[in-house]
N, C-alpha and C. Protein backbone atom coordinates (compact mmCIF):
# COMPACT_ATOMS: atom_id res chain seq x y z
N UNK A 1 -9.22 12.15 -19.16
CA UNK A 1 -8.62 12.42 -18.00
C UNK A 1 -7.82 10.89 -17.43
N UNK A 2 -6.64 11.10 -17.22
CA UNK A 2 -6.44 9.68 -16.64
C UNK A 2 -6.57 9.41 -15.16
N UNK A 3 -7.21 8.09 -15.32
CA UNK A 3 -8.18 7.67 -14.09
C UNK A 3 -6.96 6.97 -12.93
N UNK A 4 -6.80 8.07 -11.94
CA UNK A 4 -6.07 7.68 -10.74
C UNK A 4 -6.86 7.42 -9.60
N UNK A 5 -6.44 6.57 -8.40
CA UNK A 5 -7.34 6.28 -7.49
C UNK A 5 -6.24 5.95 -6.37
N UNK A 6 -6.92 6.09 -4.92
CA UNK A 6 -5.93 5.07 -3.75
C UNK A 6 -6.91 4.12 -4.03
N UNK A 7 -5.68 2.94 -4.35
CA UNK A 7 -5.52 1.33 -4.27
C UNK A 7 -5.92 0.68 -3.06
N UNK A 8 -4.37 0.96 -1.97
CA UNK A 8 -4.15 0.52 -0.62
C UNK A 8 -2.69 1.13 -0.18
N UNK A 9 -2.79 0.90 1.15
CA UNK A 9 -1.63 1.72 1.86
C UNK A 9 -1.23 -0.11 2.04
N UNK A 10 0.17 0.44 2.67
CA UNK A 10 0.58 -0.75 2.94
C UNK A 10 1.52 -0.37 4.41
N UNK A 11 1.08 -1.75 5.24
CA UNK A 11 2.02 -1.62 6.85
C UNK A 11 3.15 -2.65 6.82
N UNK A 12 4.63 -2.60 7.23
CA UNK A 12 5.20 -3.38 7.00
C UNK A 12 5.71 -3.98 8.52
N UNK A 13 5.31 -5.09 8.46
CA UNK A 13 5.54 -6.23 9.93
C UNK A 13 6.51 -5.51 10.60
N UNK A 14 6.16 -6.08 11.74
CA UNK A 14 7.18 -5.41 13.12
C UNK A 14 8.65 -6.31 13.16
N UNK A 15 9.46 -6.38 14.27
CA UNK A 15 10.68 -7.81 14.46
C UNK A 15 9.89 -9.11 14.64
N UNK A 16 8.34 -9.12 15.59
CA UNK A 16 8.04 -10.03 16.01
C UNK A 16 6.87 -10.93 14.66
N UNK A 17 7.16 -10.08 13.59
CA UNK A 17 6.98 -11.14 12.63
C UNK A 17 5.14 -10.63 12.22
N UNK A 18 4.65 -11.05 10.84
CA UNK A 18 3.46 -11.24 10.10
C UNK A 18 2.36 -11.45 11.07
N UNK A 19 2.74 -12.26 11.74
CA UNK A 19 0.87 -12.87 12.30
C UNK A 19 0.87 -11.85 14.20
N UNK A 20 1.92 -11.86 14.52
CA UNK A 20 1.90 -10.72 15.85
C UNK A 20 1.16 -9.23 15.29
N UNK A 21 2.24 -9.18 14.06
CA UNK A 21 1.79 -7.78 13.75
C UNK A 21 0.32 -7.75 13.78
N UNK A 22 -0.11 -8.57 12.74
CA UNK A 22 -1.62 -8.66 12.38
C UNK A 22 -2.32 -8.86 13.12
N UNK A 23 -2.28 -9.67 14.45
CA UNK A 23 -3.03 -9.92 15.17
C UNK A 23 -3.51 -8.48 16.01
N UNK A 24 -2.28 -7.66 16.72
CA UNK A 24 -2.46 -6.16 16.74
C UNK A 24 -3.82 -5.67 16.47
N UNK A 25 -3.24 -5.31 14.79
CA UNK A 25 -4.33 -4.37 14.36
C UNK A 25 -5.58 -4.81 14.27
N UNK A 26 -5.74 -5.82 13.61
CA UNK A 26 -7.02 -7.09 13.97
C UNK A 26 -7.94 -6.57 15.08
N UNK A 27 -7.12 -6.65 15.74
CA UNK A 27 -7.84 -6.46 17.66
C UNK A 27 -7.99 -4.62 17.25
N UNK A 28 -7.49 -4.03 17.03
CA UNK A 28 -7.76 -2.26 17.08
C UNK A 28 -8.78 -2.24 16.42
N UNK A 29 -9.06 -2.71 15.05
CA UNK A 29 -9.94 -2.88 14.22
C UNK A 29 -11.15 -3.58 13.86
N UNK A 30 -11.26 -4.20 15.01
CA UNK A 30 -12.09 -5.63 15.21
C UNK A 30 -12.24 -5.97 13.83
N UNK A 31 -11.86 -6.55 13.33
CA UNK A 31 -11.87 -7.29 11.82
C UNK A 31 -10.38 -8.19 11.37
N UNK A 32 -10.95 -9.07 10.77
CA UNK A 32 -9.86 -10.12 10.71
C UNK A 32 -9.61 -10.19 9.57
N UNK A 33 -7.36 -10.48 9.17
CA UNK A 33 -7.22 -9.83 7.94
C UNK A 33 -7.49 -11.51 7.18
N UNK A 34 -7.46 -11.67 5.82
CA UNK A 34 -7.31 -12.84 5.28
C UNK A 34 -5.70 -12.49 4.67
N UNK A 35 -5.23 -14.18 4.67
CA UNK A 35 -3.83 -14.26 4.04
C UNK A 35 -3.73 -14.01 2.51
N UNK A 36 -3.06 -13.35 2.10
CA UNK A 36 -3.00 -13.08 -0.04
C UNK A 36 -1.90 -13.83 -0.27
N UNK A 37 -1.16 -13.85 0.55
CA UNK A 37 0.23 -14.62 -0.84
C UNK A 37 1.07 -14.43 -0.44
N UNK A 38 2.24 -14.86 -1.40
CA UNK A 38 3.22 -14.78 -1.51
C UNK A 38 3.60 -14.17 -3.16
N UNK A 39 4.60 -12.91 -2.41
CA UNK A 39 4.92 -12.59 -3.87
C UNK A 39 6.38 -12.80 -4.65
N UNK A 40 6.24 -13.96 -5.44
CA UNK A 40 7.51 -14.42 -5.81
C UNK A 40 8.68 -13.55 -6.22
N UNK A 41 7.91 -12.96 -7.11
CA UNK A 41 9.38 -12.25 -7.52
C UNK A 41 9.61 -10.60 -6.79
N UNK A 42 9.12 -10.61 -5.72
CA UNK A 42 9.36 -9.53 -4.64
C UNK A 42 10.33 -10.36 -3.28
N UNK A 43 10.12 -11.46 -3.42
CA UNK A 43 10.16 -12.23 -2.08
C UNK A 43 9.79 -11.91 -0.61
N UNK A 44 8.47 -11.40 -1.04
CA UNK A 44 7.52 -11.04 0.53
C UNK A 44 6.47 -11.88 0.24
N UNK A 45 5.42 -11.42 1.36
CA UNK A 45 4.13 -11.90 1.28
C UNK A 45 3.04 -10.81 2.49
N UNK A 46 1.95 -11.11 2.39
CA UNK A 46 1.15 -10.28 2.57
C UNK A 46 -0.09 -11.22 2.88
N UNK A 47 -0.83 -10.05 4.34
CA UNK A 47 -2.16 -10.61 4.62
C UNK A 47 -2.88 -9.11 4.33
N UNK A 48 -4.02 -8.95 3.79
CA UNK A 48 -4.63 -7.87 3.43
C UNK A 48 -6.09 -8.28 4.69
N UNK A 49 -7.07 -6.78 4.30
CA UNK A 49 -7.99 -6.31 4.90
C UNK A 49 -8.95 -5.67 3.99
N UNK A 50 -10.05 -6.59 3.38
CA UNK A 50 -10.62 -5.25 2.46
C UNK A 50 -11.53 -4.49 3.19
N UNK A 51 -11.72 -2.79 2.37
CA UNK A 51 -12.28 -1.98 2.94
C UNK A 51 -13.19 -1.47 2.23
N UNK A 52 -13.88 -0.73 2.53
CA UNK A 52 -14.40 0.08 1.80
C UNK A 52 -14.16 0.95 0.41
N UNK A 53 -14.92 1.32 -0.46
CA UNK A 53 -14.36 1.89 -1.46
C UNK A 53 -13.19 1.64 -2.80
N UNK A 54 -13.33 0.42 -2.48
CA UNK A 54 -12.47 -0.65 -3.31
C UNK A 54 -11.01 -0.48 -3.15
N UNK A 55 -10.57 -0.20 -1.72
CA UNK A 55 -9.87 0.13 -1.15
C UNK A 55 -9.31 -0.91 -0.26
N UNK A 56 -7.93 -1.25 0.51
CA UNK A 56 -7.35 -2.23 1.48
C UNK A 56 -6.63 -1.87 2.41
N UNK A 57 -6.36 -2.34 3.40
CA UNK A 57 -5.21 -2.39 3.90
C UNK A 57 -4.14 -4.08 3.61
N UNK A 58 -3.12 -3.77 3.73
CA UNK A 58 -2.33 -4.57 3.20
C UNK A 58 -0.73 -4.65 4.65
N UNK A 59 -0.76 -5.75 5.38
CA UNK A 59 0.38 -6.11 6.08
C UNK A 59 1.45 -7.10 5.53
N UNK A 60 2.25 -6.84 5.30
CA UNK A 60 3.53 -7.25 4.51
C UNK A 60 4.82 -7.87 5.14
N UNK A 61 5.43 -8.43 4.80
CA UNK A 61 6.74 -9.09 5.22
C UNK A 61 7.87 -9.51 4.56
N UNK A 62 8.79 -9.13 4.89
CA UNK A 62 9.88 -9.76 3.48
C UNK A 62 10.32 -10.99 4.08
N UNK A 63 10.88 -11.77 3.23
CA UNK A 63 10.88 -13.07 3.09
C UNK A 63 12.34 -13.49 3.45
N UNK A 64 12.74 -14.36 3.61
CA UNK A 64 14.61 -15.19 3.26
C UNK A 64 14.46 -15.66 1.77
N UNK A 65 14.33 -15.04 1.06
CA UNK A 65 14.44 -14.82 -0.08
C UNK A 65 15.17 -14.18 -0.96
N UNK A 66 15.86 -14.55 -2.38
CA UNK A 66 17.11 -14.00 -2.80
C UNK A 66 16.54 -12.74 -3.35
N UNK A 67 15.23 -13.15 -3.90
CA UNK A 67 14.37 -11.54 -4.90
C UNK A 67 14.54 -10.65 -3.49
N UNK A 68 14.04 -10.45 -2.49
CA UNK A 68 14.17 -9.91 -1.16
C UNK A 68 15.23 -8.53 -0.95
N UNK A 69 16.58 -9.42 -1.68
CA UNK A 69 17.37 -8.39 -1.28
C UNK A 69 17.84 -7.49 -3.16
N UNK A 70 17.51 -7.51 -3.94
CA UNK A 70 17.15 -7.60 -4.96
C UNK A 70 16.31 -6.59 -5.80
N UNK A 71 15.07 -6.31 -5.48
CA UNK A 71 14.25 -5.99 -6.40
C UNK A 71 13.95 -4.60 -5.08
N UNK A 72 13.81 -3.35 -5.55
CA UNK A 72 13.35 -2.20 -4.89
C UNK A 72 11.61 -2.52 -3.73
N UNK A 73 10.79 -3.44 -4.30
CA UNK A 73 9.95 -3.87 -3.01
C UNK A 73 10.49 -4.48 -1.94
N UNK A 74 10.84 -5.48 -2.35
CA UNK A 74 11.26 -6.02 -1.13
C UNK A 74 12.83 -5.75 -0.05
N UNK A 75 13.08 -4.35 -0.81
CA UNK A 75 14.23 -3.78 -0.32
C UNK A 75 13.39 -2.79 0.85
N UNK A 76 12.26 -2.16 0.23
CA UNK A 76 11.32 -1.26 0.94
C UNK A 76 10.87 -1.67 2.21
N UNK A 77 10.07 -3.07 2.01
CA UNK A 77 9.85 -3.77 3.05
C UNK A 77 11.08 -4.52 4.22
N UNK A 78 11.96 -4.73 4.07
CA UNK A 78 13.16 -5.32 4.48
C UNK A 78 13.58 -3.99 5.72
N UNK A 79 13.12 -2.81 5.00
CA UNK A 79 14.09 -1.52 5.23
C UNK A 79 13.10 -1.12 6.69
N UNK A 80 11.88 -1.28 6.19
CA UNK A 80 11.01 -0.71 7.24
C UNK A 80 10.49 -1.33 8.76
N UNK A 81 10.40 -3.01 8.45
CA UNK A 81 10.18 -3.95 9.29
C UNK A 81 12.18 -4.17 10.09
N UNK A 82 13.13 -3.31 9.42
CA UNK A 82 14.37 -3.79 10.56
C UNK A 82 14.20 -2.65 11.41
N UNK A 83 13.69 -1.36 10.81
CA UNK A 83 13.67 -0.01 11.70
C UNK A 83 12.29 -0.41 12.82
N UNK A 84 11.46 -1.01 12.76
CA UNK A 84 10.55 -1.80 13.50
C UNK A 84 9.32 -1.60 13.28
N UNK A 85 9.27 -1.71 11.88
CA UNK A 85 7.55 -1.82 11.20
C UNK A 85 7.18 -0.61 11.09
N UNK A 86 5.73 -0.94 10.82
CA UNK A 86 4.88 0.32 10.64
C UNK A 86 4.34 0.93 9.63
N UNK A 87 4.12 2.19 9.39
CA UNK A 87 3.27 2.16 7.73
C UNK A 87 4.67 2.20 6.85
N UNK A 88 4.69 1.93 5.77
CA UNK A 88 5.44 1.36 4.66
C UNK A 88 5.29 2.80 3.55
N UNK A 89 3.79 2.77 2.76
CA UNK A 89 3.50 4.05 1.59
C UNK A 89 2.18 3.69 1.60
N UNK A 90 1.86 4.36 0.51
CA UNK A 90 0.69 3.97 -0.29
C UNK A 90 0.54 4.63 -1.65
N UNK A 91 -0.62 3.37 -2.03
CA UNK A 91 -0.20 3.06 -3.51
C UNK A 91 -1.54 3.50 -4.40
N UNK A 92 -0.88 3.85 -5.34
CA UNK A 92 -2.20 4.60 -6.49
C UNK A 92 -2.92 3.75 -7.44
N UNK A 93 -3.87 3.44 -7.80
CA UNK A 93 -4.09 2.28 -9.23
C UNK A 93 -4.57 3.45 -10.27
N UNK A 94 -3.68 3.47 -11.21
CA UNK A 94 -3.77 3.92 -12.47
C UNK A 94 -3.99 3.02 -13.53
N UNK A 95 -4.89 3.71 -14.63
CA UNK A 95 -5.56 2.73 -15.49
C UNK A 95 -4.34 2.97 -16.63
N UNK A 96 -3.46 3.50 -16.66
CA UNK A 96 -2.22 3.35 -18.29
C UNK A 96 -1.37 3.90 -17.50
N UNK A 97 -0.82 2.42 -17.15
CA UNK A 97 0.45 2.83 -16.23
C UNK A 97 1.70 2.94 -16.92
N UNK A 98 1.76 3.23 -18.84
CA UNK A 98 2.74 3.57 -20.08
C UNK A 98 3.01 5.39 -19.36
N UNK A 99 1.80 6.11 -18.83
CA UNK A 99 2.14 7.42 -18.33
C UNK A 99 2.61 7.50 -17.48
N UNK A 100 2.90 6.47 -16.22
CA UNK A 100 3.83 7.06 -15.21
C UNK A 100 5.41 6.49 -15.56
N UNK A 101 5.12 5.11 -16.39
CA UNK A 101 6.70 4.98 -16.77
C UNK A 101 7.86 5.92 -17.71
N UNK A 102 6.66 6.83 -18.47
CA UNK A 102 6.83 7.66 -19.14
C UNK A 102 7.69 9.05 -18.33
N UNK A 103 7.21 9.27 -17.45
CA UNK A 103 7.24 10.24 -16.63
C UNK A 103 8.55 9.89 -15.37
N UNK A 104 8.60 8.65 -15.72
CA UNK A 104 10.05 8.35 -14.72
C UNK A 104 10.84 7.67 -15.11
N UNK A 105 10.75 7.62 -16.54
CA UNK A 105 11.50 7.24 -17.43
C UNK A 105 12.25 5.76 -17.63
N UNK A 106 11.17 4.81 -16.63
CA UNK A 106 11.96 3.50 -16.75
C UNK A 106 10.40 2.40 -17.30
N UNK A 107 10.74 1.65 -17.09
CA UNK A 107 9.60 0.54 -17.44
C UNK A 107 9.49 0.32 -15.74
N UNK A 108 7.72 -0.49 -15.74
CA UNK A 108 7.22 -1.10 -14.68
C UNK A 108 7.91 -2.29 -14.56
N UNK A 109 7.26 -2.87 -13.55
CA UNK A 109 7.40 -4.44 -13.10
C UNK A 109 6.47 -5.39 -12.98
N UNK A 110 6.63 -6.50 -13.44
CA UNK A 110 5.27 -7.47 -13.58
C UNK A 110 4.94 -8.02 -11.61
N UNK A 111 3.95 -8.25 -11.01
CA UNK A 111 3.79 -8.37 -10.01
C UNK A 111 2.78 -9.50 -9.79
N UNK A 112 2.96 -10.37 -9.16
CA UNK A 112 1.78 -11.47 -9.20
C UNK A 112 1.84 -12.20 -7.58
N UNK A 113 0.44 -12.55 -7.16
CA UNK A 113 0.41 -13.36 -5.80
C UNK A 113 -0.83 -14.65 -6.16
N UNK A 114 -0.42 -15.83 -5.65
CA UNK A 114 -1.76 -16.55 -5.81
C UNK A 114 -2.12 -16.88 -4.46
N UNK A 115 -3.81 -16.35 -4.79
CA UNK A 115 -4.57 -16.42 -3.63
C UNK A 115 -4.81 -18.00 -2.73
N UNK A 116 -5.18 -18.34 -1.22
CA UNK A 116 -5.03 -19.53 -0.83
C UNK A 116 -6.12 -20.11 -1.66
N UNK A 117 -7.03 -19.38 -2.53
CA UNK A 117 -7.86 -20.52 -3.43
C UNK A 117 -7.93 -20.82 -4.52
N UNK A 118 -6.48 -20.81 -4.91
CA UNK A 118 -5.30 -20.81 -6.45
C UNK A 118 -5.50 -19.86 -7.55
N UNK A 119 -6.62 -18.48 -6.87
CA UNK A 119 -6.77 -17.71 -8.14
C UNK A 119 -5.41 -17.07 -7.72
N UNK A 120 -4.58 -16.50 -9.37
CA UNK A 120 -3.62 -15.82 -9.34
C UNK A 120 -4.10 -14.07 -9.97
N UNK A 121 -3.41 -13.48 -9.12
CA UNK A 121 -3.67 -11.79 -8.97
C UNK A 121 -2.56 -11.39 -9.90
N UNK A 122 -2.34 -10.66 -10.86
CA UNK A 122 -1.38 -10.12 -11.58
C UNK A 122 -1.62 -8.62 -11.69
N UNK A 123 -0.84 -7.84 -11.90
CA UNK A 123 -0.33 -6.62 -11.95
C UNK A 123 0.73 -5.78 -12.23
N UNK A 124 1.03 -4.69 -12.87
CA UNK A 124 2.27 -4.19 -13.11
C UNK A 124 2.68 -2.68 -12.06
N UNK A 125 3.89 -2.36 -11.83
CA UNK A 125 3.84 -1.31 -10.69
C UNK A 125 5.41 -0.77 -11.03
N UNK A 126 5.16 0.53 -10.45
CA UNK A 126 6.50 1.24 -11.06
C UNK A 126 6.65 2.35 -9.85
N UNK A 127 7.62 2.90 -9.55
CA UNK A 127 7.98 4.03 -8.56
C UNK A 127 8.07 3.91 -6.78
N UNK A 128 8.20 2.19 -6.83
CA UNK A 128 9.12 1.86 -5.57
C UNK A 128 10.48 2.21 -5.43
N UNK A 129 11.38 3.13 -6.07
CA UNK A 129 12.47 3.65 -5.99
C UNK A 129 12.55 4.54 -5.45
N UNK A 130 11.01 5.65 -5.61
CA UNK A 130 10.67 6.39 -5.41
C UNK A 130 10.39 6.66 -3.75
N UNK A 131 9.50 5.53 -3.56
CA UNK A 131 9.18 5.52 -2.00
C UNK A 131 10.48 4.88 -1.14
N UNK A 132 11.54 4.62 -1.97
CA UNK A 132 12.63 4.36 -0.96
C UNK A 132 13.21 5.69 -0.65
N UNK A 133 13.64 6.33 -2.17
CA UNK A 133 14.08 7.75 -1.49
C UNK A 133 13.61 8.86 -0.92
N UNK A 134 12.03 8.55 -0.64
CA UNK A 134 11.04 9.64 -0.33
C UNK A 134 9.72 9.17 0.04
N UNK A 135 9.81 8.03 1.21
CA UNK A 135 8.44 7.30 1.42
C UNK A 135 6.91 8.39 1.95
N UNK A 136 7.32 9.27 1.25
CA UNK A 136 6.11 10.24 1.02
C UNK A 136 5.45 10.27 -0.41
N UNK A 137 6.33 9.54 -1.40
CA UNK A 137 5.80 9.25 -2.46
C UNK A 137 5.43 8.43 -3.02
N UNK A 138 3.66 7.92 -3.18
CA UNK A 138 3.26 6.41 -3.48
C UNK A 138 3.76 6.03 -4.31
N UNK A 139 3.53 4.88 -4.83
CA UNK A 139 4.00 4.10 -6.32
C UNK A 139 2.94 3.59 -6.95
N UNK A 140 3.02 3.51 -7.78
CA UNK A 140 1.76 3.13 -8.82
C UNK A 140 1.31 1.66 -9.11
N UNK A 141 0.17 1.35 -9.35
CA UNK A 141 -0.12 -0.28 -9.91
C UNK A 141 -1.08 0.14 -11.29
N UNK A 142 -1.22 -0.81 -11.71
CA UNK A 142 -2.34 -1.29 -12.72
C UNK A 142 -2.53 -2.60 -12.76
N UNK A 143 -3.36 -3.00 -13.05
CA UNK A 143 -4.49 -4.53 -12.21
C UNK A 143 -4.20 -4.93 -13.29
N UNK A 144 -4.10 -6.31 -13.70
CA UNK A 144 -4.07 -6.55 -14.98
C UNK A 144 -5.14 -8.05 -14.51
N UNK A 145 -5.72 -8.57 -13.22
CA UNK A 145 -6.74 -9.49 -12.82
C UNK A 145 -8.06 -8.66 -12.80
N UNK A 146 -9.04 -9.69 -13.43
CA UNK A 146 -10.26 -9.21 -13.49
C UNK A 146 -10.91 -8.26 -12.10
N UNK A 147 -11.29 -7.19 -12.01
CA UNK A 147 -11.71 -6.47 -10.84
C UNK A 147 -12.48 -7.03 -9.49
N UNK A 148 -13.21 -7.91 -10.20
CA UNK A 148 -13.87 -8.73 -8.88
C UNK A 148 -12.66 -9.70 -8.18
N UNK A 149 -11.68 -9.94 -8.59
CA UNK A 149 -10.93 -10.67 -7.35
C UNK A 149 -10.07 -9.69 -6.78
N UNK A 150 -9.88 -8.17 -7.15
CA UNK A 150 -9.29 -7.40 -6.50
C UNK A 150 -9.32 -7.62 -4.66
N UNK A 151 -7.97 -7.17 -3.87
CA UNK A 151 -8.27 -7.33 -2.92
C UNK A 151 -9.12 -6.69 -1.84
N UNK A 152 -10.01 -5.82 -2.26
CA UNK A 152 -10.87 -5.11 -1.81
C UNK A 152 -11.86 -5.81 -1.62
N UNK A 153 -12.58 -6.85 -2.46
CA UNK A 153 -13.50 -7.86 -2.41
C UNK A 153 -13.61 -8.71 -1.46
N UNK A 154 -14.63 -8.65 -1.09
CA UNK A 154 -15.37 -9.59 0.35
C UNK A 154 -15.23 -8.68 1.15
N UNK A 155 -15.64 -7.29 1.32
CA UNK A 155 -15.11 -6.17 2.17
C UNK A 155 -16.61 -6.62 3.31
N UNK A 156 -16.53 -6.38 4.34
CA UNK A 156 -17.71 -6.57 5.15
C UNK A 156 -18.62 -4.86 4.80
N UNK A 157 -17.70 -4.33 4.90
CA UNK A 157 -18.55 -2.70 4.60
C UNK A 157 -18.21 -2.36 5.71
N UNK A 158 -17.83 -2.86 7.07
CA UNK A 158 -17.87 -2.21 8.41
C UNK A 158 -16.58 -1.17 8.60
N UNK A 159 -15.50 -1.19 7.91
CA UNK A 159 -14.27 -0.83 8.10
C UNK A 159 -13.88 0.22 6.91
N UNK A 160 -13.89 1.68 6.69
CA UNK A 160 -13.34 2.20 5.40
C UNK A 160 -12.31 2.93 6.27
N UNK A 161 -11.59 4.09 4.81
CA UNK A 161 -10.27 4.18 4.84
C UNK A 161 -10.84 5.93 5.22
N UNK A 162 -10.54 7.05 6.24
CA UNK A 162 -11.29 8.25 6.07
C UNK A 162 -10.19 9.38 6.38
N UNK A 163 -9.18 9.01 6.21
CA UNK A 163 -7.85 9.82 6.49
C UNK A 163 -6.57 9.33 6.92
N UNK A 164 -5.85 9.90 6.11
CA UNK A 164 -4.36 10.24 5.98
C UNK A 164 -3.76 10.92 6.94
N UNK A 165 -2.61 11.10 7.57
CA UNK A 165 -1.74 12.02 8.15
C UNK A 165 -0.31 11.53 7.41
N UNK A 166 -0.13 12.54 6.82
CA UNK A 166 1.24 12.08 6.10
C UNK A 166 2.26 13.17 6.30
N UNK A 167 3.46 12.95 6.87
CA UNK A 167 4.86 14.27 6.75
C UNK A 167 5.50 14.40 5.31
N UNK A 168 5.06 15.60 5.14
CA UNK A 168 5.79 15.87 4.00
C UNK A 168 5.14 16.83 2.95
N UNK A 169 5.62 16.98 1.96
CA UNK A 169 5.21 18.25 1.32
C UNK A 169 4.50 18.18 -0.04
N UNK A 170 3.15 18.60 -0.04
CA UNK A 170 2.22 18.38 -0.73
C UNK A 170 2.37 18.76 -2.45
N UNK A 171 3.44 19.50 -2.25
CA UNK A 171 3.75 20.56 -3.54
C UNK A 171 4.72 19.43 -4.31
N UNK A 172 5.81 18.64 -3.83
CA UNK A 172 6.51 17.60 -3.98
C UNK A 172 5.62 16.55 -4.26
N UNK A 173 4.43 15.62 -3.76
CA UNK A 173 4.12 14.84 -4.04
C UNK A 173 2.85 15.47 -5.34
N UNK A 174 2.65 16.57 -5.30
CA UNK A 174 1.74 17.13 -6.45
C UNK A 174 2.60 17.01 -7.98
N UNK A 175 4.36 17.13 -7.72
CA UNK A 175 4.60 16.93 -8.85
C UNK A 175 5.08 15.52 -9.58
N UNK A 176 4.56 14.59 -8.37
CA UNK A 176 5.18 12.98 -8.25
C UNK A 176 4.00 12.49 -9.10
N UNK A 177 2.91 13.16 -9.03
CA UNK A 177 1.72 12.25 -9.18
C UNK A 177 1.16 13.31 -10.80
N UNK A 178 1.45 14.14 -10.72
CA UNK A 178 0.95 15.05 -11.97
C UNK A 178 -0.01 14.96 -11.47
N UNK A 179 -0.52 15.57 -10.38
CA UNK A 179 -2.69 15.29 -10.07
C UNK A 179 -2.21 15.84 -8.52
N UNK A 180 -3.55 16.39 -8.67
CA UNK A 180 -3.52 17.32 -7.00
C UNK A 180 -3.65 15.72 -6.08
N UNK A 181 -3.27 15.72 -4.93
CA UNK A 181 -3.04 14.58 -4.35
C UNK A 181 -5.01 14.02 -3.70
N UNK A 182 -5.44 15.98 -3.81
CA UNK A 182 -6.85 15.14 -2.98
C UNK A 182 -7.83 14.64 -4.15
N UNK A 183 -7.54 15.08 -5.13
CA UNK A 183 -8.28 14.22 -6.62
C UNK A 183 -8.17 13.02 -6.72
N UNK A 184 -6.72 12.47 -6.41
CA UNK A 184 -6.18 10.89 -6.41
C UNK A 184 -7.29 10.65 -5.14
N UNK A 185 -7.52 10.94 -4.23
CA UNK A 185 -7.61 10.41 -2.78
C UNK A 185 -9.22 10.34 -2.57
N UNK A 186 -9.95 11.46 -3.09
CA UNK A 186 -11.42 11.40 -3.69
C UNK A 186 -11.90 11.53 -2.85
N UNK A 187 -12.36 12.84 -1.83
CA UNK A 187 -12.49 12.74 -0.80
C UNK A 187 -11.97 12.24 0.67
N UNK A 188 -11.04 11.53 0.73
CA UNK A 188 -10.24 10.92 1.94
C UNK A 188 -9.69 11.97 2.47
N UNK A 189 -9.73 12.46 3.65
CA UNK A 189 -9.15 14.07 4.63
C UNK A 189 -7.59 13.43 4.69
N UNK A 190 -7.10 14.27 4.15
CA UNK A 190 -5.44 14.55 4.42
C UNK A 190 -4.70 15.35 4.34
N UNK A 191 -4.16 15.11 5.75
CA UNK A 191 -3.27 16.16 6.57
C UNK A 191 -1.92 16.31 6.30
N UNK A 192 -1.30 17.59 6.02
CA UNK A 192 -0.23 17.20 5.80
C UNK A 192 1.03 18.06 6.94
N UNK A 193 1.76 17.34 7.51
CA UNK A 193 2.54 17.49 8.88
C UNK A 193 3.99 17.63 8.10
N UNK A 194 4.01 18.79 8.59
CA UNK A 194 5.84 19.09 8.26
C UNK A 194 6.69 17.94 8.99
N UNK A 195 7.30 17.03 8.02
CA UNK A 195 8.41 16.45 8.64
C UNK A 195 9.40 16.48 9.70
N UNK A 196 9.54 16.02 10.64
CA UNK A 196 10.53 16.48 11.43
C UNK A 196 11.73 15.18 11.54
N UNK A 197 11.44 14.28 10.65
CA UNK A 197 12.57 12.70 10.32
C UNK A 197 11.85 12.59 9.06
N UNK A 198 12.36 11.64 9.53
CA UNK A 198 11.59 10.72 7.97
C UNK A 198 10.45 10.94 7.41
N UNK A 199 10.12 11.51 5.87
CA UNK A 199 8.33 11.29 5.77
C UNK A 199 7.73 10.24 5.26
N UNK A 200 6.72 10.70 5.44
CA UNK A 200 6.01 9.41 5.02
C UNK A 200 4.39 9.55 5.93
N UNK A 201 3.62 8.48 5.94
CA UNK A 201 2.47 8.26 6.41
C UNK A 201 2.81 8.19 8.06
N UNK A 202 1.92 9.20 8.74
CA UNK A 202 2.28 9.08 9.65
C UNK A 202 1.20 8.29 10.95
N UNK A 203 0.01 8.36 10.11
CA UNK A 203 -1.17 7.40 10.80
C UNK A 203 -2.46 7.60 9.78
N UNK A 204 -2.88 6.57 10.04
CA UNK A 204 -4.55 6.20 9.23
C UNK A 204 -5.38 6.16 9.83
N UNK A 205 -6.83 7.13 9.63
CA UNK A 205 -7.50 6.79 10.57
C UNK A 205 -8.75 5.87 9.97
N UNK A 206 -9.40 4.94 10.77
CA UNK A 206 -10.92 4.04 9.60
C UNK A 206 -11.75 3.94 10.65
N UNK A 207 -13.31 4.11 9.96
CA UNK A 207 -14.10 4.32 9.98
C UNK A 207 -14.51 2.61 10.97
N UNK A 208 -14.81 2.28 12.40
CA UNK A 208 -15.36 0.96 12.25
C UNK A 208 -16.39 0.95 13.34
N UNK A 209 -16.83 -0.35 13.41
CA UNK A 209 -18.62 -0.21 14.46
C UNK A 209 -18.37 0.34 15.91
N UNK A 210 -16.53 0.43 16.60
CA UNK A 210 -16.60 0.78 17.48
C UNK A 210 -16.53 2.65 17.52
N UNK A 211 -16.35 3.26 16.25
CA UNK A 211 -15.79 4.66 16.02
C UNK A 211 -14.33 4.79 15.40
N UNK A 212 -14.07 5.55 15.46
CA UNK A 212 -12.81 6.16 14.77
C UNK A 212 -11.48 5.38 15.21
N UNK A 213 -10.78 4.92 14.32
CA UNK A 213 -9.35 4.34 15.25
C UNK A 213 -8.42 4.75 14.15
N UNK A 214 -7.56 5.46 15.34
CA UNK A 214 -5.92 5.95 14.63
C UNK A 214 -5.00 4.96 14.58
N UNK A 215 -4.64 4.57 13.77
CA UNK A 215 -3.23 3.76 13.53
C UNK A 215 -2.15 4.36 12.98
């Protein structure tokens, strides 16, 4: 059976920029983010908060870079930030991305970034065009770096993602994944809300030392 699991969720920086957006989220969650690095192929950069269960929260910002206008990921970040920032999407790790390539009828693209300590993270991803067209849909990544360097490493164990609220259609997402979303999320609570506007993540719930925080 193909292995798929929730890898991370992405939050686009607001008009006040990456630092201010991250500071607000860090204050609400009671945990500091760490600088991730620049995605040179996408014209973006991120900061990350390692979470329990091999997951992480990413805050991403578009750069004044030619790639950000040409590639779907840069376009997705720019569009979400231009609309005020907020939840951009959820990302599923897959152990054989060729399966997603075959289903979607196109090739995945490489991604990389260098952490501040110089370690390069590498992966392949596909499905961001689906996210652009229908933000309830996750995109897929296959990591090519050792798991010891995965952005979830270094988690203090204090923060965990426990629930997602998604405006959308469960059947549509099931067809996109080729699998029940509940299996992919592996115990994470999932609430479907009928969309009254743009579909996608409405909120994420986290356990923190101060209790549950809904963002």
